[in-house]
C-alpha atoms as a PDB file:
ATOM      1  CA  THR A   1      -0.083  -0.499   0.152  1.00  0.00           C
ATOM      2  CA  GLY A   2       2.766   2.470   0.826  1.00  0.00           C
ATOM      3  CA  LEU A   3       1.915   3.009   4.274  1.00  0.00           C
ATOM      4  CA  THR A   4       4.636   2.803   6.667  1.00  0.00           C
ATOM      5  CA  GLU A   5       4.126   2.759  10.703  1.00  0.00           C
ATOM      6  CA  ASN A   6       5.089   6.364  12.137  1.00  0.00           C
ATOM      7  CA  THR A   7       5.197   6.256  15.794  1.00  0.00           C
ATOM      8  CA  LYS A   8       7.409   9.047  16.170  1.00  0.00           C
ATOM      9  CA  ALA A   9       6.467  12.454  17.344  1.00  0.00           C
ATOM     10  CA  PRO A  10       4.250  14.205  16.878  1.00  0.00           C
ATOM     11  CA  TYR A  11       2.119  10.960  15.561  1.00  0.00           C
ATOM     12  CA  SER A  12       0.564   8.346  18.024  1.00  0.00           C
ATOM     13  CA  GLY A  13       0.794   5.464  15.168  1.00  0.00           C
ATOM     14  CA  ARG A  14      -3.121   4.896  15.166  1.00  0.00           C
ATOM     15  CA  TRP A  15      -5.318   6.048  11.973  1.00  0.00           C
ATOM     16  CA  ILE A  16      -8.761   7.960  12.789  1.00  0.00           C
ATOM     17  CA  GLN A  17     -11.287   8.928  10.978  1.00  0.00           C
ATOM     18  CA  PRO A  18     -12.172  12.669  12.509  1.00  0.00           C
ATOM     19  CA  ASN A  19     -15.864  12.819  13.741  1.00  0.00           C
ATOM     20  CA  GLU A  20     -18.116  14.446  11.392  1.00  0.00           C
ATOM     21  CA  GLY A  21     -21.127  15.075  12.781  1.00  0.00           C
ATOM     22  CA  THR A  22     -22.603  12.008  14.911  1.00  0.00           C
ATOM     23  CA  THR A  23     -20.666   9.680  13.249  1.00  0.00           C
ATOM     24  CA  PRO A  24     -18.202   8.347  16.054  1.00  0.00           C
ATOM     25  CA  VAL A  25     -14.537   8.482  15.606  1.00  0.00           C
ATOM     26  CA  ILE A  26     -13.071   5.296  13.619  1.00  0.00           C
ATOM     27  CA  THR A  27      -9.587   4.393  14.749  1.00  0.00           C
ATOM     28  CA  TYR A  28      -7.080   1.818  13.639  1.00  0.00           C
ATOM     29  CA  ALA A  29      -4.546   0.815  16.259  1.00  0.00           C
ATOM     30  CA  THR A  30      -1.698   0.598  13.553  1.00  0.00           C
ATOM     31  CA  THR A  31      -1.005   0.961  10.076  1.00  0.00           C
ATOM     32  CA  ALA A  32      -0.803  -2.781   9.134  1.00  0.00           C
ATOM     33  CA  GLU A  33      -4.281  -3.236  10.909  1.00  0.00           C
ATOM     34  CA  PHE A  34      -5.784  -0.201   8.826  1.00  0.00           C
ATOM     35  CA  THR A  35      -4.388  -1.691   5.511  1.00  0.00           C
ATOM     36  CA  GLN A  36      -5.327  -5.380   6.583  1.00  0.00           C
ATOM     37  CA  ASN A  37      -8.889  -4.690   7.706  1.00  0.00           C
ATOM     38  CA  TYR A  38     -10.213  -1.367   6.266  1.00  0.00           C
ATOM     39  CA  ASP A  39     -12.939  -2.996   3.963  1.00  0.00           C
ATOM     40  CA  GLY A  40     -14.457   0.358   2.506  1.00  0.00           C
ATOM     41  CA  SER A  41     -17.770   0.087   4.686  1.00  0.00           C
ATOM     42  CA  GLN A  42     -16.987   3.879   6.572  1.00  0.00           C
ATOM     43  CA  PRO A  43     -15.491   5.756   3.636  1.00  0.00           C
ATOM     44  CA  GLY A  44     -13.869   9.303   4.242  1.00  0.00           C
ATOM     45  CA  THR A  45     -10.524  10.606   5.321  1.00  0.00           C
ATOM     46  CA  TYR A  46      -8.259   8.668   7.594  1.00  0.00           C
ATOM     47  CA  VAL A  47      -5.405  10.550   9.184  1.00  0.00           C
ATOM     48  CA  ARG A  48      -2.544  10.031  11.330  1.00  0.00           C
ATOM     49  CA  GLU A  49      -3.670  10.611  14.764  1.00  0.00           C
ATOM     50  CA  GLN A  50      -1.301  13.763  16.582  1.00  0.00           C
ATOM     51  CA  THR A  51      -0.260  13.280  19.615  1.00  0.00           C
ATOM     52  CA  LYS A  52      -1.109  16.294  22.268  1.00  0.00           C
END
């Protein structure tokens, strides 16, 4: 897929789909989980989660 793991600051390593309205935030713990488990049923923009 070309996506790599990135757990270095300012990123947590997780992928999230930011909350758009009443839809809950969708989270994948790792890039591997995201690329292996994303099935297209929740389309949208997913971004790397930034640490605070």
